[in-house]
């Protein structure tokens, strides 16, 4: 893991593939990956493991390693 926290790990875990709308990986030079789905109604939102933002929906869970401080700084800068 990058100690400067410029790279942020994330994971998305869905309870069923029926809630995944689209996944695509490009063979083009840009090598883009796209994931789209429906977390559904949000059941929980909070920080776990000291710096992992976790958003739990009825259909799945999204996690990203970002601190409260960093999230606040990004939010207040408008970006």
Protein backbone atom coordinates (compact mmCIF):
# COMPACT_ATOMS: atom_id res chain seq x y z
CA UNK A 1 0.00 0.00 0.00
CA UNK A 2 1.26 3.49 -0.84
CA UNK A 3 2.27 5.28 2.35
CA UNK A 4 1.59 8.68 0.72
CA UNK A 5 -2.05 7.62 0.25
CA UNK A 6 -2.07 8.83 -3.34
CA UNK A 7 -3.35 5.44 -4.48
CA UNK A 8 -6.61 4.25 -2.96
CA UNK A 9 -7.57 0.59 -2.90
CA UNK A 10 -11.25 -0.21 -3.32
CA UNK A 11 -13.49 -3.23 -3.51
CA UNK A 12 -17.07 -3.79 -4.55
CA UNK A 13 -18.87 -6.92 -3.41
CA UNK A 14 -22.32 -7.64 -4.80
CA UNK A 15 -24.71 -10.21 -3.37
CA UNK A 16 -25.88 -11.26 -6.83
CA UNK A 17 -24.89 -10.64 -10.44
CA UNK A 18 -28.46 -9.54 -11.12
CA UNK A 19 -27.60 -6.18 -9.49
CA UNK A 20 -24.60 -5.65 -11.77
CA UNK A 21 -25.62 -3.56 -14.73
CA UNK A 22 -22.36 -3.50 -16.67
CA UNK A 23 -18.73 -4.56 -16.44
CA UNK A 24 -16.37 -3.80 -19.28
CA UNK A 25 -12.64 -3.99 -19.86
CA UNK A 26 -11.14 -2.40 -22.91
CA UNK A 27 -8.39 -3.84 -25.09
CA UNK A 28 -7.70 -0.32 -26.34
CA UNK A 29 -4.53 1.56 -25.48
CA UNK A 30 -6.22 3.37 -22.56
CA UNK A 31 -6.95 0.03 -20.81
CA UNK A 32 -10.07 1.30 -19.10
CA UNK A 33 -12.18 -0.80 -16.75
CA UNK A 34 -15.77 0.12 -15.97
CA UNK A 35 -18.06 -1.33 -13.30
CA UNK A 36 -21.67 -0.30 -12.81
CA UNK A 37 -24.39 -1.71 -10.61
CA UNK A 38 -26.95 -0.99 -7.95
CA UNK A 39 -26.06 -1.01 -4.25
CA UNK A 40 -29.74 -0.41 -3.50
CA UNK A 41 -30.95 1.35 -0.38
CA UNK A 42 -28.05 2.30 1.87
CA UNK A 43 -28.16 0.38 5.15
CA UNK A 44 -24.86 1.51 6.71
CA UNK A 45 -22.22 4.13 6.05
CA UNK A 46 -19.08 4.46 8.10
CA UNK A 47 -15.38 3.85 8.53
CA UNK A 48 -13.90 0.43 9.31
CA UNK A 49 -10.35 -0.81 9.89
CA UNK A 50 -9.06 2.67 10.71
CA UNK A 51 -9.44 4.27 7.30
CA UNK A 52 -11.70 2.27 5.04
CA UNK A 53 -14.93 4.03 4.05
CA UNK A 54 -17.60 1.38 3.78
CA UNK A 55 -21.00 1.90 2.14
CA UNK A 56 -23.33 -1.06 2.66
CA UNK A 57 -26.40 -1.28 0.48
CA UNK A 58 -29.02 -4.00 0.38
CA UNK A 59 -27.41 -5.37 -2.81
CA UNK A 60 -23.73 -5.01 -2.03
CA UNK A 61 -20.88 -3.23 -0.29
CA UNK A 62 -18.41 -0.62 -1.58
CA UNK A 63 -15.15 -0.01 0.29
CA UNK A 64 -12.33 2.46 -0.34
CA UNK A 65 -9.29 3.22 1.80
CA UNK A 66 -9.64 6.93 2.48
CA UNK A 67 -9.37 8.68 5.82
CA UNK A 68 -12.04 10.96 7.28
CA UNK A 69 -9.57 13.83 7.07
CA UNK A 70 -8.78 13.23 3.42
CA UNK A 71 -12.43 12.83 2.54
CA UNK A 72 -13.21 16.10 4.33
CA UNK A 73 -10.43 17.91 2.47
CA UNK A 74 -11.65 16.63 -0.89
CA UNK A 75 -15.26 17.49 -0.05
CA UNK A 76 -14.47 21.04 1.06
CA UNK A 77 -12.35 21.69 -2.03
CA UNK A 78 -15.36 20.81 -4.14
CA UNK A 79 -13.73 17.94 -5.92
